Amino acid sequence: MKTVAALQQENDLLRQALAAEKEKNTVLSEQIQHLLRQRFAPSSEKTPPNQLGLFNEAEAIEAEDNELTPEETTTEVKSHTRTRKPRVSIPDSLPREDIIYDLPEQKKTCPHDG
């Protein structure tokens, strides 16, 4: 029969082994989640909203320059209308012939719903 000290020592070893396995399980779960996100996440590059203001120094400098010189520059653009190309038709000088294909009366009605 094992003594209390031996059982306590075995219990501590088992707890340490369990803690190590839990940590390993956590790391593997995180790796799986990362790989799943990498594989199945949308592939477009979207920036998170908290990162939109990281590199706005140039805009800030430009805004300061605009405040110092409030000149408005406008450019007028001449508007245009879209023109369609004319439809190419058959010249009137070519002979035309109408061919009418007629079906027998039996085939003029649908066999499924009449």
PDB file of N, CA and C in Angstrom:
ATOM      1  N   MET A   1       0.838  -1.169   0.000  1.00  0.00           N
ATOM      2  CA  MET A   1       0.000   0.000   0.000  1.00  0.00           C
ATOM      3  C   MET A   1       0.893   1.247   0.000  1.00  0.00           C
ATOM      4  N   LYS A   2       0.480   2.280  -0.796  1.00  0.00           N
ATOM      5  CA  LYS A   2       1.274   3.500  -0.928  1.00  0.00           C
ATOM      6  C   LYS A   2       1.015   4.406   0.264  1.00  0.00           C
ATOM      7  N   THR A   3       2.042   5.139   0.591  1.00  0.00           N
ATOM      8  CA  THR A   3       1.900   6.070   1.711  1.00  0.00           C
ATOM      9  C   THR A   3       1.269   7.364   1.229  1.00  0.00           C
ATOM     10  N   VAL A   4       0.868   8.174   2.169  1.00  0.00           N
ATOM     11  CA  VAL A   4       0.228   9.453   1.851  1.00  0.00           C
ATOM     12  C   VAL A   4       1.207  10.352   1.115  1.00  0.00           C
ATOM     13  N   ALA A   5       2.442  10.356   1.480  1.00  0.00           N
ATOM     14  CA  ALA A   5       3.453  11.202   0.836  1.00  0.00           C
ATOM     15  C   ALA A   5       3.646  10.766  -0.625  1.00  0.00           C
ATOM     16  N   ALA A   6       3.662   9.465  -0.885  1.00  0.00           N
ATOM     17  CA  ALA A   6       3.840   8.966  -2.245  1.00  0.00           C
ATOM     18  C   ALA A   6       2.615   9.313  -3.094  1.00  0.00           C
ATOM     19  N   LEU A   7       1.432   9.201  -2.519  1.00  0.00           N
ATOM     20  CA  LEU A   7       0.211   9.561  -3.242  1.00  0.00           C
ATOM     21  C   LEU A   7       0.166  11.058  -3.530  1.00  0.00           C
ATOM     22  N   GLN A   8       0.613  11.853  -2.560  1.00  0.00           N
ATOM     23  CA  GLN A   8       0.646  13.310  -2.752  1.00  0.00           C
ATOM     24  C   GLN A   8       1.633  13.667  -3.859  1.00  0.00           C
ATOM     25  N   GLN A   9       2.773  13.021  -3.892  1.00  0.00           N
ATOM     26  CA  GLN A   9       3.781  13.279  -4.922  1.00  0.00           C
ATOM     27  C   GLN A   9       3.245  12.861  -6.306  1.00  0.00           C
ATOM     28  N   GLU A  10       2.592  11.716  -6.379  1.00  0.00           N
ATOM     29  CA  GLU A  10       2.006  11.256  -7.645  1.00  0.00           C
ATOM     30  C   GLU A  10       0.906  12.219  -8.109  1.00  0.00           C
ATOM     31  N   ASN A  11       0.122  12.713  -7.165  1.00  0.00           N
ATOM     32  CA  ASN A  11      -0.932  13.674  -7.477  1.00  0.00           C
ATOM     33  C   ASN A  11      -0.329  14.962  -8.047  1.00  0.00           C
ATOM     34  N   ASP A  12       0.755  15.458  -7.471  1.00  0.00           N
ATOM     35  CA  ASP A  12       1.419  16.666  -7.969  1.00  0.00           C
ATOM     36  C   ASP A  12       1.970  16.451  -9.374  1.00  0.00           C
ATOM     37  N   LEU A  13       2.566  15.291  -9.622  1.00  0.00           N
ATOM     38  CA  LEU A  13       3.091  14.983 -10.949  1.00  0.00           C
ATOM     39  C   LEU A  13       1.960  14.933 -11.984  1.00  0.00           C
ATOM     40  N   LEU A  14       0.848  14.328 -11.598  1.00  0.00           N
ATOM     41  CA  LEU A  14      -0.288  14.259 -12.516  1.00  0.00           C
ATOM     42  C   LEU A  14      -0.876  15.645 -12.792  1.00  0.00           C
ATOM     43  N   ARG A  15      -0.914  16.503 -11.794  1.00  0.00           N
ATOM     44  CA  ARG A  15      -1.411  17.866 -11.988  1.00  0.00           C
ATOM     45  C   ARG A  15      -0.484  18.653 -12.924  1.00  0.00           C
ATOM     46  N   GLN A  16       0.817  18.469 -12.760  1.00  0.00           N
ATOM     47  CA  GLN A  16       1.775  19.154 -13.641  1.00  0.00           C
ATOM     48  C   GLN A  16       1.620  18.651 -15.090  1.00  0.00           C
ATOM     49  N   ALA A  17       1.452  17.346 -15.239  1.00  0.00           N
ATOM     50  CA  ALA A  17       1.268  16.779 -16.569  1.00  0.00           C
ATOM     51  C   ALA A  17      -0.029  17.290 -17.190  1.00  0.00           C
ATOM     52  N   LEU A  18      -1.081  17.388 -16.385  1.00  0.00           N
ATOM     53  CA  LEU A  18      -2.364  17.897 -16.876  1.00  0.00           C
ATOM     54  C   LEU A  18      -2.243  19.360 -17.285  1.00  0.00           C
ATOM     55  N   ALA A  19      -1.524  20.169 -16.495  1.00  0.00           N
ATOM     56  CA  ALA A  19      -1.331  21.583 -16.827  1.00  0.00           C
ATOM     57  C   ALA A  19      -0.547  21.718 -18.135  1.00  0.00           C
ATOM     58  N   ALA A  20       0.469  20.872 -18.315  1.00  0.00           N
ATOM     59  CA  ALA A  20       1.258  20.917 -19.544  1.00  0.00           C
ATOM     60  C   ALA A  20       0.395  20.535 -20.749  1.00  0.00           C
ATOM     61  N   GLU A  21      -0.449  19.530 -20.594  1.00  0.00           N
ATOM     62  CA  GLU A  21      -1.322  19.109 -21.690  1.00  0.00           C
ATOM     63  C   GLU A  21      -2.363  20.186 -22.013  1.00  0.00           C
ATOM     64  N   LYS A  22      -2.886  20.859 -20.988  1.00  0.00           N
ATOM     65  CA  LYS A  22      -3.841  21.942 -21.223  1.00  0.00           C
ATOM     66  C   LYS A  22      -3.187  23.083 -21.979  1.00  0.00           C
ATOM     67  N   GLU A  23      -1.947  23.424 -21.607  1.00  0.00           N
ATOM     68  CA  GLU A  23      -1.228  24.494 -22.295  1.00  0.00           C
ATOM     69  C   GLU A  23      -0.963  24.104 -23.758  1.00  0.00           C
ATOM     70  N   LYS A  24      -0.574  22.865 -23.965  1.00  0.00           N
ATOM     71  CA  LYS A  24      -0.334  22.370 -25.319  1.00  0.00           C
ATOM     72  C   LYS A  24      -1.633  22.399 -26.129  1.00  0.00           C
ATOM     73  N   ASN A  25      -2.727  22.010 -25.493  1.00  0.00           N
ATOM     74  CA  ASN A  25      -4.031  22.017 -26.150  1.00  0.00           C
ATOM     75  C   ASN A  25      -4.431  23.444 -26.534  1.00  0.00           C
ATOM     76  N   THR A  26      -4.176  24.397 -25.665  1.00  0.00           N
ATOM     77  CA  THR A  26      -4.496  25.796 -25.935  1.00  0.00           C
ATOM     78  C   THR A  26      -3.687  26.310 -27.122  1.00  0.00           C
ATOM     79  N   VAL A  27      -2.398  26.006 -27.145  1.00  0.00           N
ATOM     80  CA  VAL A  27      -1.537  26.455 -28.243  1.00  0.00           C
ATOM     81  C   VAL A  27      -2.012  25.845 -29.563  1.00  0.00           C
ATOM     82  N   LEU A  28      -2.328  24.561 -29.543  1.00  0.00           N
ATOM     83  CA  LEU A  28      -2.794  23.911 -30.773  1.00  0.00           C
ATOM     84  C   LEU A  28      -4.136  24.466 -31.234  1.00  0.00           C
ATOM     85  N   SER A  29      -5.034  24.771 -30.296  1.00  0.00           N
ATOM     86  CA  SER A  29      -6.325  25.373 -30.657  1.00  0.00           C
ATOM     87  C   SER A  29      -6.131  26.737 -31.301  1.00  0.00           C
ATOM     88  N   GLU A  30      -5.208  27.533 -30.754  1.00  0.00           N
ATOM     89  CA  GLU A  30      -4.930  28.841 -31.333  1.00  0.00           C
ATOM     90  C   GLU A  30      -4.349  28.705 -32.737  1.00  0.00           C
ATOM     91  N   GLN A  31      -3.467  27.727 -32.940  1.00  0.00           N
ATOM     92  CA  GLN A  31      -2.901  27.504 -34.265  1.00  0.00           C
ATOM     93  C   GLN A  31      -3.992  27.092 -35.254  1.00  0.00           C
ATOM     94  N   ILE A  32      -4.898  26.242 -34.820  1.00  0.00           N
ATOM     95  CA  ILE A  32      -5.994  25.814 -35.696  1.00  0.00           C
ATOM     96  C   ILE A  32      -6.875  27.003 -36.059  1.00  0.00           C
ATOM     97  N   GLN A  33      -7.213  27.830 -35.079  1.00  0.00           N
ATOM     98  CA  GLN A  33      -8.045  29.003 -35.350  1.00  0.00           C
ATOM     99  C   GLN A  33      -7.344  29.960 -36.313  1.00  0.00           C
ATOM    100  N   HIS A  34      -6.047  30.154 -36.116  1.00  0.00           N
ATOM    101  CA  HIS A  34      -5.283  31.039 -37.006  1.00  0.00           C
ATOM    102  C   HIS A  34      -5.287  30.490 -38.429  1.00  0.00           C
ATOM    103  N   LEU A  35      -5.046  29.208 -38.588  1.00  0.00           N
ATOM    104  CA  LEU A  35      -5.019  28.612 -39.918  1.00  0.00           C
ATOM    105  C   LEU A  35      -6.391  28.629 -40.576  1.00  0.00           C
ATOM    106  N   LEU A  36      -7.443  28.426 -39.793  1.00  0.00           N
ATOM    107  CA  LEU A  36      -8.793  28.488 -40.349  1.00  0.00           C
ATOM    108  C   LEU A  36      -9.127  29.904 -40.811  1.00  0.00           C
ATOM    109  N   ARG A  37      -8.737  30.899 -40.010  1.00  0.00           N
ATOM    110  CA  ARG A  37      -8.972  32.281 -40.419  1.00  0.00           C
ATOM    111  C   ARG A  37      -8.175  32.612 -41.678  1.00  0.00           C
ATOM    112  N   GLN A  38      -6.950  32.119 -41.722  1.00  0.00           N
ATOM    113  CA  GLN A  38      -6.105  32.383 -42.876  1.00  0.00           C
ATOM    114  C   GLN A  38      -6.671  31.711 -44.125  1.00  0.00           C
ATOM    115  N   ARG A  39      -7.219  30.542 -43.981  1.00  0.00           N
ATOM    116  CA  ARG A  39      -7.720  29.767 -45.123  1.00  0.00           C
ATOM    117  C   ARG A  39      -9.095  30.238 -45.589  1.00  0.00           C
ATOM    118  N   PHE A  40     -10.011  30.507 -44.657  1.00  0.00           N
ATOM    119  CA  PHE A  40     -11.401  30.749 -45.024  1.00  0.00           C
ATOM    120  C   PHE A  40     -11.866  32.185 -44.830  1.00  0.00           C
ATOM    121  N   ALA A  41     -11.031  33.065 -44.360  1.00  0.00           N
ATOM    122  CA  ALA A  41     -11.428  34.456 -44.157  1.00  0.00           C
ATOM    123  C   ALA A  41     -11.506  35.157 -45.512  1.00  0.00           C
ATOM    124  N   PRO A  42     -12.239  36.267 -45.591  1.00  0.00           N
ATOM    125  CA  PRO A  42     -12.271  37.020 -46.844  1.00  0.00           C
ATOM    126  C   PRO A  42     -10.866  37.452 -47.236  1.00  0.00           C
ATOM    127  N   SER A  43     -10.584  37.400 -48.516  1.00  0.00           N
ATOM    128  CA  SER A  43      -9.220  37.664 -48.953  1.00  0.00           C
ATOM    129  C   SER A  43      -8.969  39.135 -49.257  1.00  0.00           C
ATOM    130  N   SER A  44      -9.976  39.962 -49.226  1.00  0.00           N
ATOM    131  CA  SER A  44      -9.736  41.372 -49.497  1.00  0.00           C
ATOM    132  C   SER A  44      -9.032  41.998 -48.304  1.00  0.00           C
ATOM    133  N   GLU A  45      -8.194  42.957 -48.616  1.00  0.00           N
ATOM    134  CA  GLU A  45      -7.429  43.600 -47.554  1.00  0.00           C
ATOM    135  C   GLU A  45      -8.266  44.731 -46.972  1.00  0.00           C
ATOM    136  N   LYS A  46      -8.839  44.485 -45.834  1.00  0.00           N
ATOM    137  CA  LYS A  46      -9.636  45.499 -45.166  1.00  0.00           C
ATOM    138  C   LYS A  46      -8.857  45.989 -43.955  1.00  0.00           C
ATOM    139  N   THR A  47      -8.895  47.296 -43.748  1.00  0.00           N
ATOM    140  CA  THR A  47      -8.188  47.839 -42.602  1.00  0.00           C
ATOM    141  C   THR A  47      -9.159  47.987 -41.447  1.00  0.00           C
ATOM    142  N   PRO A  48      -8.735  47.584 -40.271  1.00  0.00           N
ATOM    143  CA  PRO A  48      -9.593  47.773 -39.098  1.00  0.00           C
ATOM    144  C   PRO A  48      -9.800  49.262 -38.829  1.00  0.00           C
ATOM    145  N   PRO A  49     -10.947  49.648 -38.280  1.00  0.00           N
ATOM    146  CA  PRO A  49     -11.223  51.073 -38.085  1.00  0.00           C
ATOM    147  C   PRO A  49     -10.260  51.747 -37.118  1.00  0.00           C
ATOM    148  N   ASN A  50      -9.649  50.996 -36.208  1.00  0.00           N
ATOM    149  CA  ASN A  50      -8.732  51.625 -35.255  1.00  0.00           C
ATOM    150  C   ASN A  50      -7.386  51.934 -35.887  1.00  0.00           C
ATOM    151  N   GLN A  51      -7.116  51.494 -37.105  1.00  0.00           N
ATOM    152  CA  GLN A  51      -5.836  51.760 -37.754  1.00  0.00           C
ATOM    153  C   GLN A  51      -5.940  52.821 -38.837  1.00  0.00           C
ATOM    154  N   LEU A  52      -7.096  53.439 -38.987  1.00  0.00           N
ATOM    155  CA  LEU A  52      -7.262  54.413 -40.060  1.00  0.00           C
ATOM    156  C   LEU A  52      -6.455  55.679 -39.827  1.00  0.00           C
ATOM    157  N   GLY A  53      -6.176  56.027 -38.596  1.00  0.00           N
ATOM    158  CA  GLY A  53      -5.463  57.263 -38.308  1.00  0.00           C
ATOM    159  C   GLY A  53      -3.978  57.098 -38.082  1.00  0.00           C
ATOM    160  N   LEU A  54      -3.409  55.973 -38.425  1.00  0.00           N
ATOM    161  CA  LEU A  54      -1.995  55.743 -38.146  1.00  0.00           C
ATOM    162  C   LEU A  54      -1.084  56.617 -39.000  1.00  0.00           C
ATOM    163  N   PHE A  55      -1.352  56.730 -40.263  1.00  0.00           N
ATOM    164  CA  PHE A  55      -0.447  57.429 -41.168  1.00  0.00           C
ATOM    165  C   PHE A  55      -1.141  58.626 -41.800  1.00  0.00           C
ATOM    166  N   ASN A  56      -1.579  59.543 -40.991  1.00  0.00           N
ATOM    167  CA  ASN A  56      -2.273  60.708 -41.534  1.00  0.00           C
ATOM    168  C   ASN A  56      -1.452  61.981 -41.373  1.00  0.00           C
ATOM    169  N   GLU A  57      -0.129  61.860 -41.267  1.00  0.00           N
ATOM    170  CA  GLU A  57       0.700  63.053 -41.130  1.00  0.00           C
ATOM    171  C   GLU A  57       0.624  63.925 -42.376  1.00  0.00           C
ATOM    172  N   ALA A  58       0.645  63.289 -43.536  1.00  0.00           N
ATOM    173  CA  ALA A  58       0.603  64.062 -44.784  1.00  0.00           C
ATOM    174  C   ALA A  58      -0.705  64.829 -44.904  1.00  0.00           C
ATOM    175  N   GLU A  59      -1.810  64.205 -44.520  1.00  0.00           N
ATOM    176  CA  GLU A  59      -3.091  64.887 -44.583  1.00  0.00           C
ATOM    177  C   GLU A  59      -3.141  66.046 -43.589  1.00  0.00           C
ATOM    178  N   ALA A  60      -2.530  65.849 -42.414  1.00  0.00           N
ATOM    179  CA  ALA A  60      -2.522  66.917 -41.419  1.00  0.00           C
ATOM    180  C   ALA A  60      -1.708  68.103 -41.908  1.00  0.00           C
ATOM    181  N   ILE A  61      -0.568  67.839 -42.534  1.00  0.00           N
ATOM    182  CA  ILE A  61       0.266  68.924 -43.066  1.00  0.00           C
ATOM    183  C   ILE A  61      -0.470  69.639 -44.196  1.00  0.00           C
ATOM    184  N   GLU A  62      -1.121  68.887 -45.050  1.00  0.00           N
ATOM    185  CA  GLU A  62      -1.865  69.486 -46.154  1.00  0.00           C
ATOM    186  C   GLU A  62      -3.029  70.330 -45.628  1.00  0.00           C
ATOM    187  N   ALA A  63      -3.681  69.849 -44.574  1.00  0.00           N
ATOM    188  CA  ALA A  63      -4.786  70.613 -43.989  1.00  0.00           C
ATOM    189  C   ALA A  63      -4.279  71.923 -43.404  1.00  0.00           C
ATOM    190  N   GLU A  64      -3.091  71.882 -42.772  1.00  0.00           N
ATOM    191  CA  GLU A  64      -2.516  73.114 -42.222  1.00  0.00           C
ATOM    192  C   GLU A  64      -2.175  74.090 -43.339  1.00  0.00           C
ATOM    193  N   ASP A  65      -1.621  73.589 -44.452  1.00  0.00           N
ATOM    194  CA  ASP A  65      -1.295  74.454 -45.577  1.00  0.00           C
ATOM    195  C   ASP A  65      -2.553  75.067 -46.162  1.00  0.00           C
ATOM    196  N   ASN A  66      -3.617  74.303 -46.228  1.00  0.00           N
ATOM    197  CA  ASN A  66      -4.874  74.811 -46.773  1.00  0.00           C
ATOM    198  C   ASN A  66      -5.481  75.863 -45.861  1.00  0.00           C
ATOM    199  N   GLU A  67      -5.265  75.729 -44.556  1.00  0.00           N
ATOM    200  CA  GLU A  67      -5.788  76.737 -43.634  1.00  0.00           C
ATOM    201  C   GLU A  67      -5.037  78.042 -43.798  1.00  0.00           C
ATOM    202  N   LEU A  68      -3.745  77.957 -44.116  1.00  0.00           N
ATOM    203  CA  LEU A  68      -2.963  79.173 -44.280  1.00  0.00           C
ATOM    204  C   LEU A  68      -3.314  79.893 -45.579  1.00  0.00           C
ATOM    205  N   THR A  69      -3.555  79.163 -46.644  1.00  0.00           N
ATOM    206  CA  THR A  69      -3.914  79.759 -47.928  1.00  0.00           C
ATOM    207  C   THR A  69      -5.278  79.241 -48.347  1.00  0.00           C
ATOM    208  N   PRO A  70      -6.338  79.975 -48.033  1.00  0.00           N
ATOM    209  CA  PRO A  70      -7.693  79.484 -48.324  1.00  0.00           C
ATOM    210  C   PRO A  70      -8.124  79.738 -49.765  1.00  0.00           C
ATOM    211  N   GLU A  71      -7.228  79.572 -50.721  1.00  0.00           N
ATOM    212  CA  GLU A  71      -7.584  79.761 -52.115  1.00  0.00           C
ATOM    213  C   GLU A  71      -8.328  78.528 -52.617  1.00  0.00           C
ATOM    214  N   GLU A  72      -9.434  78.776 -53.255  1.00  0.00           N
ATOM    215  CA  GLU A  72     -10.200  77.667 -53.816  1.00  0.00           C
ATOM    216  C   GLU A  72      -9.915  77.603 -55.303  1.00  0.00           C
ATOM    217  N   THR A  73      -9.535  76.454 -55.753  1.00  0.00           N
ATOM    218  CA  THR A  73      -9.289  76.285 -57.177  1.00  0.00           C
ATOM    219  C   THR A  73     -10.378  75.379 -57.730  1.00  0.00           C
ATOM    220  N   THR A  74     -11.075  75.888 -58.709  1.00  0.00           N
ATOM    221  CA  THR A  74     -12.123  75.094 -59.337  1.00  0.00           C
ATOM    222  C   THR A  74     -11.770  74.907 -60.801  1.00  0.00           C
ATOM    223  N   THR A  75     -12.099  73.778 -61.305  1.00  0.00           N
ATOM    224  CA  THR A  75     -11.848  73.473 -62.708  1.00  0.00           C
ATOM    225  C   THR A  75     -13.169  73.130 -63.358  1.00  0.00           C
ATOM    226  N   GLU A  76     -13.481  73.854 -64.409  1.00  0.00           N
ATOM    227  CA  GLU A  76     -14.718  73.581 -65.118  1.00  0.00           C
ATOM    228  C   GLU A  76     -14.444  72.582 -66.230  1.00  0.00           C
ATOM    229  N   VAL A  77     -15.333  71.633 -66.342  1.00  0.00           N
ATOM    230  CA  VAL A  77     -15.193  70.610 -67.359  1.00  0.00           C
ATOM    231  C   VAL A  77     -16.347  70.740 -68.321  1.00  0.00           C
ATOM    232  N   LYS A  78     -16.027  70.770 -69.597  1.00  0.00           N
ATOM    233  CA  LYS A  78     -17.064  70.889 -70.610  1.00  0.00           C
ATOM    234  C   LYS A  78     -17.852  69.585 -70.648  1.00  0.00           C
ATOM    235  N   SER A  79     -19.152  69.704 -70.514  1.00  0.00           N
ATOM    236  CA  SER A  79     -19.983  68.498 -70.528  1.00  0.00           C
ATOM    237  C   SER A  79     -20.140  68.017 -71.961  1.00  0.00           C
ATOM    238  N   HIS A  80     -20.457  66.775 -72.092  1.00  0.00           N
ATOM    239  CA  HIS A  80     -20.618  66.197 -73.417  1.00  0.00           C
ATOM    240  C   HIS A  80     -21.842  65.295 -73.425  1.00  0.00           C
ATOM    241  N   THR A  81     -22.298  65.029 -74.621  1.00  0.00           N
ATOM    242  CA  THR A  81     -23.412  64.107 -74.759  1.00  0.00           C
ATOM    243  C   THR A  81     -22.921  62.867 -75.479  1.00  0.00           C
ATOM    244  N   ARG A  82     -23.448  61.779 -75.099  1.00  0.00           N
ATOM    245  CA  ARG A  82     -23.062  60.516 -75.717  1.00  0.00           C
ATOM    246  C   ARG A  82     -23.818  60.350 -77.030  1.00  0.00           C
ATOM    247  N   THR A  83     -23.081  59.999 -78.046  1.00  0.00           N
ATOM    248  CA  THR A  83     -23.710  59.774 -79.347  1.00  0.00           C
ATOM    249  C   THR A  83     -23.697  58.287 -79.644  1.00  0.00           C
ATOM    250  N   ARG A  84     -24.801  57.826 -80.170  1.00  0.00           N
ATOM    251  CA  ARG A  84     -24.892  56.421 -80.532  1.00  0.00           C
ATOM    252  C   ARG A  84     -24.550  56.264 -82.003  1.00  0.00           C
ATOM    253  N   LYS A  85     -23.923  55.158 -82.278  1.00  0.00           N
ATOM    254  CA  LYS A  85     -23.619  54.866 -83.665  1.00  0.00           C
ATOM    255  C   LYS A  85     -24.900  54.404 -84.354  1.00  0.00           C
ATOM    256  N   PRO A  86     -25.068  54.799 -85.621  1.00  0.00           N
ATOM    257  CA  PRO A  86     -26.301  54.394 -86.314  1.00  0.00           C
ATOM    258  C   PRO A  86     -26.292  52.887 -86.581  1.00  0.00           C
ATOM    259  N   ARG A  87     -27.487  52.337 -86.602  1.00  0.00           N
ATOM    260  CA  ARG A  87     -27.634  50.919 -86.850  1.00  0.00           C
ATOM    261  C   ARG A  87     -27.391  50.641 -88.331  1.00  0.00           C
ATOM    262  N   VAL A  88     -26.576  49.631 -88.580  1.00  0.00           N
ATOM    263  CA  VAL A  88     -26.280  49.281 -89.958  1.00  0.00           C
ATOM    264  C   VAL A  88     -27.452  48.465 -90.489  1.00  0.00           C
ATOM    265  N   SER A  89     -28.059  48.951 -91.564  1.00  0.00           N
ATOM    266  CA  SER A  89     -29.203  48.252 -92.115  1.00  0.00           C
ATOM    267  C   SER A  89     -28.859  47.721 -93.508  1.00  0.00           C
ATOM    268  N   ILE A  90     -29.707  46.851 -93.974  1.00  0.00           N
ATOM    269  CA  ILE A  90     -29.520  46.273 -95.298  1.00  0.00           C
ATOM    270  C   ILE A  90     -29.879  47.335 -96.333  1.00  0.00           C
ATOM    271  N   PRO A  91     -29.053  47.522 -97.315  1.00  0.00           N
ATOM    272  CA  PRO A  91     -29.371  48.535 -98.330  1.00  0.00           C
ATOM    273  C   PRO A  91     -30.666  48.198 -99.067  1.00  0.00           C
ATOM    274  N   ASP A  92     -31.378  49.234 -99.482  1.00  0.00           N
ATOM    275  CA  ASP A  92     -32.654  49.051-100.178  1.00  0.00           C
ATOM    276  C   ASP A  92     -32.477  48.424-101.558  1.00  0.00           C
ATOM    277  N   SER A  93     -31.300  48.510-102.113  1.00  0.00           N
ATOM    278  CA  SER A  93     -31.085  47.980-103.457  1.00  0.00           C
ATOM    279  C   SER A  93     -31.023  46.453-103.491  1.00  0.00           C
ATOM    280  N   LEU A  94     -30.825  45.825-102.359  1.00  0.00           N
ATOM    281  CA  LEU A  94     -30.767  44.363-102.316  1.00  0.00           C
ATOM    282  C   LEU A  94     -32.178  43.784-102.294  1.00  0.00           C
ATOM    283  N   PRO A  95     -32.376  42.679-103.017  1.00  0.00           N
ATOM    284  CA  PRO A  95     -33.725  42.090-103.018  1.00  0.00           C
ATOM    285  C   PRO A  95     -34.034  41.446-101.657  1.00  0.00           C
ATOM    286  N   ARG A  96     -35.303  41.513-101.279  1.00  0.00           N
ATOM    287  CA  ARG A  96     -35.738  40.921-100.014  1.00  0.00           C
ATOM    288  C   ARG A  96     -36.823  39.915-100.305  1.00  0.00           C
ATOM    289  N   GLU A  97     -36.801  38.867 -99.501  1.00  0.00           N
ATOM    290  CA  GLU A  97     -37.774  37.806 -99.710  1.00  0.00           C
ATOM    291  C   GLU A  97     -38.262  37.328 -98.348  1.00  0.00           C
ATOM    292  N   ASP A  98     -39.560  37.306 -98.130  1.00  0.00           N
ATOM    293  CA  ASP A  98     -40.139  36.816 -96.885  1.00  0.00           C
ATOM    294  C   ASP A  98     -40.433  35.335 -97.028  1.00  0.00           C
ATOM    295  N   ILE A  99     -39.895  34.546 -96.113  1.00  0.00           N
ATOM    296  CA  ILE A  99     -40.152  33.105 -96.113  1.00  0.00           C
ATOM    297  C   ILE A  99     -40.927  32.793 -94.846  1.00  0.00           C
ATOM    298  N   ILE A 100     -42.116  32.247 -94.992  1.00  0.00           N
ATOM    299  CA  ILE A 100     -42.972  31.930 -93.852  1.00  0.00           C
ATOM    300  C   ILE A 100     -43.045  30.417 -93.726  1.00  0.00           C
ATOM    301  N   TYR A 101     -42.657  29.934 -92.584  1.00  0.00           N
ATOM    302  CA  TYR A 101     -42.721  28.502 -92.302  1.00  0.00           C
ATOM    303  C   TYR A 101     -43.974  28.244 -91.483  1.00  0.00           C
ATOM    304  N   ASP A 102     -44.855  27.446 -91.989  1.00  0.00           N
ATOM    305  CA  ASP A 102     -46.113  27.159 -91.310  1.00  0.00           C
ATOM    306  C   ASP A 102     -46.080  25.738 -90.763  1.00  0.00           C
ATOM    307  N   LEU A 103     -46.610  25.557 -89.565  1.00  0.00           N
ATOM    308  CA  LEU A 103     -46.681  24.235 -88.942  1.00  0.00           C
ATOM    309  C   LEU A 103     -48.048  23.620 -89.188  1.00  0.00           C
ATOM    310  N   PRO A 104     -48.117  22.299 -89.178  1.00  0.00           N
ATOM    311  CA  PRO A 104     -49.439  21.681 -89.275  1.00  0.00           C
ATOM    312  C   PRO A 104     -50.267  21.982 -88.026  1.00  0.00           C
ATOM    313  N   GLU A 105     -51.546  21.889 -88.121  1.00  0.00           N
ATOM    314  CA  GLU A 105     -52.442  22.215 -87.007  1.00  0.00           C
ATOM    315  C   GLU A 105     -52.164  21.353 -85.767  1.00  0.00           C
ATOM    316  N   GLN A 106     -51.722  20.124 -85.956  1.00  0.00           N
ATOM    317  CA  GLN A 106     -51.456  19.229 -84.820  1.00  0.00           C
ATOM    318  C   GLN A 106     -50.304  19.755 -83.957  1.00  0.00           C
ATOM    319  N   LYS A 107     -49.322  20.377 -84.597  1.00  0.00           N
ATOM    320  CA  LYS A 107     -48.138  20.847 -83.866  1.00  0.00           C
ATOM    321  C   LYS A 107     -48.307  22.288 -83.345  1.00  0.00           C
ATOM    322  N   LYS A 108     -49.397  22.942 -83.637  1.00  0.00           N
ATOM    323  CA  LYS A 108     -49.601  24.313 -83.168  1.00  0.00           C
ATOM    324  C   LYS A 108     -50.103  24.360 -81.742  1.00  0.00           C
ATOM    325  N   THR A 109     -50.539  23.238 -81.182  1.00  0.00           N
ATOM    326  CA  THR A 109     -50.985  23.209 -79.781  1.00  0.00           C
ATOM    327  C   THR A 109     -49.962  22.442 -78.966  1.00  0.00           C
ATOM    328  N   CYS A 110     -49.811  22.837 -77.726  1.00  0.00           N
ATOM    329  CA  CYS A 110     -48.855  22.186 -76.833  1.00  0.00           C
ATOM    330  C   CYS A 110     -49.432  20.865 -76.351  1.00  0.00           C
ATOM    331  N   PRO A 111     -48.686  19.764 -76.419  1.00  0.00           N
ATOM    332  CA  PRO A 111     -49.210  18.488 -75.982  1.00  0.00           C
ATOM    333  C   PRO A 111     -49.395  18.388 -74.475  1.00  0.00           C
ATOM    334  N   HIS A 112     -48.713  19.254 -73.711  1.00  0.00           N
ATOM    335  CA  HIS A 112     -48.767  19.164 -72.242  1.00  0.00           C
ATOM    336  C   HIS A 112     -49.976  19.899 -71.651  1.00  0.00           C
ATOM    337  N   ASP A 113     -50.148  21.156 -72.069  1.00  0.00           N
ATOM    338  CA  ASP A 113     -51.243  21.909 -71.456  1.00  0.00           C
ATOM    339  C   ASP A 113     -52.233  22.481 -72.471  1.00  0.00           C
ATOM    340  N   GLY A 114     -52.102  22.107 -73.711  1.00  0.00           N
ATOM    341  CA  GLY A 114     -53.088  22.501 -74.717  1.00  0.00           C
ATOM    342  C   GLY A 114     -52.893  23.915 -75.141  1.00  0.00           C
TER     343      GLY A 114
END
